[in-house]
Amino acid sequence: MKGIKIHDISRPIGRGEAVYPGNEAPALKRIKVFSKDKSNLFSLSLGLHTASHLDAPLHYIRNGKTADKLSLEKCVGWCRVVNFENIKREIGETEIKRVKPKAEEIILFKTKNSKLSASKRFNKNFVYLNESGARFLVKSRIKAVGIDGPSIRKFRLKPDTVHPILLKAGIGVYEGLYFRDVKPGRYFFIGLPLKIKDAEASPVRAILIK
């Protein structure tokens, strides 16, 4: 369509890409070969927190909603890509207050994570959201938040207080996004999960429309 620019902010799923420790690496297996079977056919196995994905409440809530039960209204809408590239490690309440998130808005954090991921090696020193930042987002009544790191919380934070705060409040949590070539600003966001029954998360093909 004329005048419309689509930015693909999804990370690729495939061999050689960084994988969060404990998450099953993706494997694409050939079942049929065209030269023999006159068609190509593959199967795919992967951990559901691979590349760009959406966490469902079940991930951290005992009887939380599964990926197939998520409201798709939470997965589309106007968003803001905010520039946090100068932050070394932690996004907290102070930083979030400067952004002034609005009710029903989708907030996406562009950080140095997008540049760090170019090596395709897992880096545990990624930028993350802390508990105070998560609580302020809940107070702001946003509908979804996303980050370009492999997780929204600090690597191996125990106990994880960030995911439960966001998911219990009904805030969609997108992780593993990619903003390296995207300028901060306002866009229309689409990040639909697959309709996977009983799953705690789902890969997404996330895009921004300008």
C-alpha atoms as a PDB file:
ATOM      1  CA  MET A   1       0.000   0.000   0.000  1.00  0.00           C
ATOM      2  CA  LYS A   2       1.265   3.463  -0.921  1.00  0.00           C
ATOM      3  CA  GLY A   3       2.617   5.531   1.930  1.00  0.00           C
ATOM      4  CA  ILE A   4       2.719   2.590   4.353  1.00  0.00           C
ATOM      5  CA  LYS A   5       6.020   1.390   5.817  1.00  0.00           C
ATOM      6  CA  ILE A   6       6.190  -1.964   7.590  1.00  0.00           C
ATOM      7  CA  HIS A   7       9.041  -2.705   9.988  1.00  0.00           C
ATOM      8  CA  ASP A   8       9.636  -6.345  10.830  1.00  0.00           C
ATOM      9  CA  ILE A   9      10.781  -6.337  14.477  1.00  0.00           C
ATOM     10  CA  SER A  10      10.943 -10.135  14.792  1.00  0.00           C
ATOM     11  CA  ARG A  11      14.081 -12.145  15.291  1.00  0.00           C
ATOM     12  CA  PRO A  12      14.661 -15.187  13.058  1.00  0.00           C
ATOM     13  CA  ILE A  13      14.016 -18.714  14.292  1.00  0.00           C
ATOM     14  CA  GLY A  14      16.758 -21.059  13.222  1.00  0.00           C
ATOM     15  CA  ARG A  15      19.992 -22.836  13.901  1.00  0.00           C
ATOM     16  CA  GLY A  16      22.802 -20.596  15.097  1.00  0.00           C
ATOM     17  CA  GLU A  17      20.592 -18.001  16.774  1.00  0.00           C
ATOM     18  CA  ALA A  18      21.033 -17.167  20.458  1.00  0.00           C
ATOM     19  CA  VAL A  19      18.949 -19.331  22.818  1.00  0.00           C
ATOM     20  CA  TYR A  20      18.078 -18.513  26.427  1.00  0.00           C
ATOM     21  CA  PRO A  21      19.629 -21.157  28.725  1.00  0.00           C
ATOM     22  CA  GLY A  22      17.043 -23.831  29.473  1.00  0.00           C
ATOM     23  CA  ASN A  23      14.947 -23.069  26.381  1.00  0.00           C
ATOM     24  CA  GLU A  24      15.022 -25.794  23.725  1.00  0.00           C
ATOM     25  CA  ALA A  25      16.950 -24.719  20.625  1.00  0.00           C
ATOM     26  CA  PRO A  26      14.933 -24.730  17.384  1.00  0.00           C
ATOM     27  CA  ALA A  27      15.382 -27.701  15.061  1.00  0.00           C
ATOM     28  CA  LEU A  28      14.054 -27.890  11.502  1.00  0.00           C
ATOM     29  CA  LYS A  29      13.884 -31.505  10.324  1.00  0.00           C
ATOM     30  CA  ARG A  30      13.427 -32.519   6.700  1.00  0.00           C
ATOM     31  CA  ILE A  31      10.772 -35.189   6.204  1.00  0.00           C
ATOM     32  CA  LYS A  32      10.384 -35.117   2.425  1.00  0.00           C
ATOM     33  CA  VAL A  33      12.889 -34.184  -0.302  1.00  0.00           C
ATOM     34  CA  PHE A  34      11.672 -32.795  -3.603  1.00  0.00           C
ATOM     35  CA  SER A  35      14.073 -34.868  -5.719  1.00  0.00           C
ATOM     36  CA  LYS A  36      12.611 -38.045  -4.259  1.00  0.00           C
ATOM     37  CA  ASP A  37       9.085 -37.177  -3.093  1.00  0.00           C
ATOM     38  CA  LYS A  38       8.169 -34.388  -5.545  1.00  0.00           C
ATOM     39  CA  SER A  39       7.548 -32.107  -2.571  1.00  0.00           C
ATOM     40  CA  ASN A  40       9.389 -30.614   0.382  1.00  0.00           C
ATOM     41  CA  LEU A  41       8.167 -31.198   3.937  1.00  0.00           C
ATOM     42  CA  PHE A  42       9.699 -30.162   7.253  1.00  0.00           C
ATOM     43  CA  SER A  43       8.856 -30.436  10.930  1.00  0.00           C
ATOM     44  CA  LEU A  44       9.803 -27.844  13.537  1.00  0.00           C
ATOM     45  CA  SER A  45      10.524 -28.231  17.241  1.00  0.00           C
ATOM     46  CA  LEU A  46      11.451 -25.371  19.556  1.00  0.00           C
ATOM     47  CA  GLY A  47      11.038 -23.916  23.004  1.00  0.00           C
ATOM     48  CA  LEU A  48       8.135 -21.489  23.094  1.00  0.00           C
ATOM     49  CA  HIS A  49      10.383 -18.691  24.373  1.00  0.00           C
ATOM     50  CA  THR A  50      12.459 -18.726  21.195  1.00  0.00           C
ATOM     51  CA  ALA A  51      13.291 -15.471  19.387  1.00  0.00           C
ATOM     52  CA  SER A  52      10.388 -12.962  19.395  1.00  0.00           C
ATOM     53  CA  HIS A  53       7.609 -14.297  21.609  1.00  0.00           C
ATOM     54  CA  LEU A  54       4.692 -13.381  23.846  1.00  0.00           C
ATOM     55  CA  ASP A  55       4.419 -14.667  27.414  1.00  0.00           C
ATOM     56  CA  ALA A  56       0.954 -15.804  28.473  1.00  0.00           C
ATOM     57  CA  PRO A  57      -0.156 -15.487  32.140  1.00  0.00           C
ATOM     58  CA  LEU A  58       0.258 -19.268  32.608  1.00  0.00           C
ATOM     59  CA  HIS A  59       4.021 -18.719  32.427  1.00  0.00           C
ATOM     60  CA  TYR A  60       4.024 -17.356  35.992  1.00  0.00           C
ATOM     61  CA  ILE A  61       0.452 -17.812  37.262  1.00  0.00           C
ATOM     62  CA  ARG A  62      -0.684 -21.284  38.349  1.00  0.00           C
ATOM     63  CA  ASN A  63      -4.054 -21.200  36.561  1.00  0.00           C
ATOM     64  CA  GLY A  64      -3.322 -18.299  34.232  1.00  0.00           C
ATOM     65  CA  LYS A  65      -4.579 -17.931  30.682  1.00  0.00           C
ATOM     66  CA  THR A  66      -2.850 -19.929  27.977  1.00  0.00           C
ATOM     67  CA  ALA A  67      -1.586 -18.606  24.646  1.00  0.00           C
ATOM     68  CA  ASP A  68      -4.715 -19.708  22.771  1.00  0.00           C
ATOM     69  CA  LYS A  69      -6.979 -17.874  25.241  1.00  0.00           C
ATOM     70  CA  LEU A  70      -5.268 -14.474  25.083  1.00  0.00           C
ATOM     71  CA  SER A  71      -7.345 -11.514  23.987  1.00  0.00           C
ATOM     72  CA  LEU A  72      -6.062 -10.476  20.572  1.00  0.00           C
ATOM     73  CA  GLU A  73      -6.996  -6.897  21.391  1.00  0.00           C
ATOM     74  CA  LYS A  74      -3.929  -6.920  23.662  1.00  0.00           C
ATOM     75  CA  CYS A  75      -1.763  -7.863  20.689  1.00  0.00           C
ATOM     76  CA  VAL A  76      -2.553  -4.984  18.332  1.00  0.00           C
ATOM     77  CA  GLY A  77      -2.771  -1.244  18.736  1.00  0.00           C
ATOM     78  CA  TRP A  78      -0.939   2.049  18.832  1.00  0.00           C
ATOM     79  CA  CYS A  79       2.455   1.853  20.438  1.00  0.00           C
ATOM     80  CA  ARG A  80       5.501   3.913  21.217  1.00  0.00           C
ATOM     81  CA  VAL A  81       9.055   2.757  20.661  1.00  0.00           C
ATOM     82  CA  VAL A  82      11.010   4.558  23.372  1.00  0.00           C
ATOM     83  CA  ASN A  83      14.759   5.114  23.263  1.00  0.00           C
ATOM     84  CA  PHE A  84      16.580   3.558  26.211  1.00  0.00           C
ATOM     85  CA  GLU A  85      19.810   2.852  24.325  1.00  0.00           C
ATOM     86  CA  ASN A  86      21.821   4.848  26.858  1.00  0.00           C
ATOM     87  CA  ILE A  87      20.772   2.640  29.774  1.00  0.00           C
ATOM     88  CA  LYS A  88      23.512   0.238  30.827  1.00  0.00           C
ATOM     89  CA  ARG A  89      21.513  -2.465  32.621  1.00  0.00           C
ATOM     90  CA  GLU A  90      18.280  -1.553  34.403  1.00  0.00           C
ATOM     91  CA  ILE A  91      15.032   0.210  33.468  1.00  0.00           C
ATOM     92  CA  GLY A  92      13.184   1.374  36.564  1.00  0.00           C
ATOM     93  CA  GLU A  93      10.402   3.658  37.711  1.00  0.00           C
ATOM     94  CA  THR A  94      12.511   6.794  37.201  1.00  0.00           C
ATOM     95  CA  GLU A  95      13.119   5.974  33.539  1.00  0.00           C
ATOM     96  CA  ILE A  96       9.507   4.910  32.914  1.00  0.00           C
ATOM     97  CA  LYS A  97       8.143   8.131  34.432  1.00  0.00           C
ATOM     98  CA  ARG A  98      10.064  10.156  31.835  1.00  0.00           C
ATOM     99  CA  VAL A  99       8.248   8.255  29.087  1.00  0.00           C
ATOM    100  CA  LYS A 100       4.806   9.106  30.564  1.00  0.00           C
ATOM    101  CA  PRO A 101       2.999   5.933  29.441  1.00  0.00           C
ATOM    102  CA  LYS A 102      -0.705   6.286  28.762  1.00  0.00           C
ATOM    103  CA  ALA A 103      -3.583   3.933  29.513  1.00  0.00           C
ATOM    104  CA  GLU A 104      -4.139   1.232  26.867  1.00  0.00           C
ATOM    105  CA  GLU A 105      -0.851   2.097  25.170  1.00  0.00           C
ATOM    106  CA  ILE A 106       1.746  -0.450  24.069  1.00  0.00           C
ATOM    107  CA  ILE A 107       5.242   0.529  25.223  1.00  0.00           C
ATOM    108  CA  LEU A 108       8.289  -0.977  23.476  1.00  0.00           C
ATOM    109  CA  PHE A 109      11.806  -0.514  24.826  1.00  0.00           C
ATOM    110  CA  LYS A 110      14.599   0.038  22.321  1.00  0.00           C
ATOM    111  CA  THR A 111      17.855  -0.652  24.156  1.00  0.00           C
ATOM    112  CA  LYS A 112      21.433  -1.620  23.430  1.00  0.00           C
ATOM    113  CA  ASN A 113      20.170  -5.224  23.352  1.00  0.00           C
ATOM    114  CA  SER A 114      19.386  -4.880  19.634  1.00  0.00           C
ATOM    115  CA  LYS A 115      23.060  -4.149  18.931  1.00  0.00           C
ATOM    116  CA  LEU A 116      24.365  -6.788  21.325  1.00  0.00           C
ATOM    117  CA  SER A 117      22.336  -9.487  19.575  1.00  0.00           C
ATOM    118  CA  ALA A 118      24.255  -9.034  16.326  1.00  0.00           C
ATOM    119  CA  SER A 119      26.853 -11.554  17.543  1.00  0.00           C
ATOM    120  CA  LYS A 120      24.163 -14.267  17.760  1.00  0.00           C
ATOM    121  CA  ARG A 121      25.705 -15.406  21.060  1.00  0.00           C
ATOM    122  CA  PHE A 122      23.690 -15.319  24.254  1.00  0.00           C
ATOM    123  CA  ASN A 123      24.727 -12.382  26.433  1.00  0.00           C
ATOM    124  CA  LYS A 124      23.511 -12.537  30.034  1.00  0.00           C
ATOM    125  CA  ASN A 125      24.289  -8.833  30.542  1.00  0.00           C
ATOM    126  CA  PHE A 126      21.217  -7.619  28.663  1.00  0.00           C
ATOM    127  CA  VAL A 127      19.161  -4.548  29.642  1.00  0.00           C
ATOM    128  CA  TYR A 128      16.049  -5.437  31.641  1.00  0.00           C
ATOM    129  CA  LEU A 129      13.046  -3.998  33.484  1.00  0.00           C
ATOM    130  CA  ASN A 130      13.171  -4.015  37.275  1.00  0.00           C
ATOM    131  CA  GLU A 131      10.342  -4.422  39.789  1.00  0.00           C
ATOM    132  CA  SER A 132       9.775  -0.691  40.347  1.00  0.00           C
ATOM    133  CA  GLY A 133       9.460  -0.159  36.603  1.00  0.00           C
ATOM    134  CA  ALA A 134       6.995  -3.033  36.292  1.00  0.00           C
ATOM    135  CA  ARG A 135       4.829  -1.644  39.098  1.00  0.00           C
ATOM    136  CA  PHE A 136       4.750   1.800  37.492  1.00  0.00           C
ATOM    137  CA  LEU A 137       3.658   0.293  34.164  1.00  0.00           C
ATOM    138  CA  VAL A 138       0.794  -1.430  35.989  1.00  0.00           C
ATOM    139  CA  LYS A 139      -0.215   1.888  37.576  1.00  0.00           C
ATOM    140  CA  SER A 140      -0.145   3.457  34.106  1.00  0.00           C
ATOM    141  CA  ARG A 141      -2.621   0.798  32.852  1.00  0.00           C
ATOM    142  CA  ILE A 142      -0.780   0.057  29.615  1.00  0.00           C
ATOM    143  CA  LYS A 143      -1.970  -3.017  27.739  1.00  0.00           C
ATOM    144  CA  ALA A 144       1.372  -4.467  26.628  1.00  0.00           C
ATOM    145  CA  VAL A 145       5.114  -3.980  26.981  1.00  0.00           C
ATOM    146  CA  GLY A 146       7.978  -5.249  24.855  1.00  0.00           C
ATOM    147  CA  ILE A 147      11.755  -5.330  25.013  1.00  0.00           C
ATOM    148  CA  ASP A 148      14.573  -6.290  22.656  1.00  0.00           C
ATOM    149  CA  GLY A 149      16.260  -8.545  25.213  1.00  0.00           C
ATOM    150  CA  PRO A 150      15.754 -12.303  25.632  1.00  0.00           C
ATOM    151  CA  SER A 151      13.748 -11.652  28.805  1.00  0.00           C
ATOM    152  CA  ILE A 152      12.084  -8.649  30.384  1.00  0.00           C
ATOM    153  CA  ARG A 153      13.632  -9.398  33.780  1.00  0.00           C
ATOM    154  CA  LYS A 154      17.221  -9.647  34.951  1.00  0.00           C
ATOM    155  CA  PHE A 155      19.017 -12.836  33.938  1.00  0.00           C
ATOM    156  CA  ARG A 156      18.075 -15.603  36.370  1.00  0.00           C
ATOM    157  CA  LEU A 157      16.422 -13.221  38.840  1.00  0.00           C
ATOM    158  CA  LYS A 158      15.228 -15.290  41.816  1.00  0.00           C
ATOM    159  CA  PRO A 159      12.498 -14.952  42.741  1.00  0.00           C
ATOM    160  CA  ASP A 160      11.243 -13.444  39.517  1.00  0.00           C
ATOM    161  CA  THR A 161       9.036 -10.572  40.679  1.00  0.00           C
ATOM    162  CA  VAL A 162       8.784  -8.780  37.327  1.00  0.00           C
ATOM    163  CA  HIS A 163       6.837 -11.288  35.203  1.00  0.00           C
ATOM    164  CA  PRO A 164       4.166 -11.940  37.881  1.00  0.00           C
ATOM    165  CA  ILE A 165       3.560  -8.220  38.428  1.00  0.00           C
ATOM    166  CA  LEU A 166       2.926  -7.625  34.718  1.00  0.00           C
ATOM    167  CA  LEU A 167       1.062 -10.838  33.898  1.00  0.00           C
ATOM    168  CA  LYS A 168      -1.260 -10.684  36.921  1.00  0.00           C
ATOM    169  CA  ALA A 169      -2.246  -7.175  35.795  1.00  0.00           C
ATOM    170  CA  GLY A 170      -3.155  -8.481  32.338  1.00  0.00           C
ATOM    171  CA  ILE A 171      -0.249  -6.747  30.595  1.00  0.00           C
ATOM    172  CA  GLY A 172       1.061  -8.574  27.539  1.00  0.00           C
ATOM    173  CA  VAL A 173       4.810  -9.235  27.739  1.00  0.00           C
ATOM    174  CA  TYR A 174       6.774  -9.343  24.481  1.00  0.00           C
ATOM    175  CA  GLU A 175      10.408 -10.437  24.577  1.00  0.00           C
ATOM    176  CA  GLY A 176      13.107 -10.908  21.960  1.00  0.00           C
ATOM    177  CA  LEU A 177      12.026  -8.030  19.706  1.00  0.00           C
ATOM    178  CA  TYR A 178      14.466  -6.243  17.388  1.00  0.00           C
ATOM    179  CA  PHE A 179      14.700  -2.472  16.952  1.00  0.00           C
ATOM    180  CA  ARG A 180      18.163  -1.875  15.507  1.00  0.00           C
ATOM    181  CA  ASP A 181      16.846  -0.189  12.343  1.00  0.00           C
ATOM    182  CA  VAL A 182      13.724   1.328  13.935  1.00  0.00           C
ATOM    183  CA  LYS A 183      13.556   4.953  15.036  1.00  0.00           C
ATOM    184  CA  PRO A 184      11.823   5.806  18.315  1.00  0.00           C
ATOM    185  CA  GLY A 185       8.298   7.107  17.815  1.00  0.00           C
ATOM    186  CA  ARG A 186       4.665   6.166  17.394  1.00  0.00           C
ATOM    187  CA  TYR A 187       3.614   3.169  15.294  1.00  0.00           C
ATOM    188  CA  PHE A 188       0.761   0.717  14.911  1.00  0.00           C
ATOM    189  CA  PHE A 189       1.854  -2.605  16.408  1.00  0.00           C
ATOM    190  CA  ILE A 190       0.804  -6.140  15.499  1.00  0.00           C
ATOM    191  CA  GLY A 191       2.201  -9.132  17.395  1.00  0.00           C
ATOM    192  CA  LEU A 192      -0.158 -12.086  17.179  1.00  0.00           C
ATOM    193  CA  PRO A 193       0.574 -15.348  19.050  1.00  0.00           C
ATOM    194  CA  LEU A 194      -0.030 -18.734  17.488  1.00  0.00           C
ATOM    195  CA  LYS A 195      -3.163 -20.500  18.715  1.00  0.00           C
ATOM    196  CA  ILE A 196      -1.272 -23.147  20.687  1.00  0.00           C
ATOM    197  CA  LYS A 197      -3.545 -24.948  23.126  1.00  0.00           C
ATOM    198  CA  ASP A 198      -2.444 -25.099  26.771  1.00  0.00           C
ATOM    199  CA  ALA A 199       0.821 -23.225  26.093  1.00  0.00           C
ATOM    200  CA  GLU A 200       2.461 -20.682  28.415  1.00  0.00           C
ATOM    201  CA  ALA A 201       3.954 -18.667  25.535  1.00  0.00           C
ATOM    202  CA  SER A 202       4.044 -18.390  21.764  1.00  0.00           C
ATOM    203  CA  PRO A 203       6.426 -17.193  19.065  1.00  0.00           C
ATOM    204  CA  VAL A 204       5.145 -14.108  17.223  1.00  0.00           C
ATOM    205  CA  ARG A 205       5.791 -12.311  13.941  1.00  0.00           C
ATOM    206  CA  ALA A 206       5.819  -8.770  15.265  1.00  0.00           C
ATOM    207  CA  ILE A 207       5.591  -5.736  12.994  1.00  0.00           C
ATOM    208  CA  LEU A 208       5.339  -1.967  13.239  1.00  0.00           C
ATOM    209  CA  ILE A 209       3.310   0.016  10.707  1.00  0.00           C
ATOM    210  CA  LYS A 210       4.067   3.686  10.063  1.00  0.00           C
END
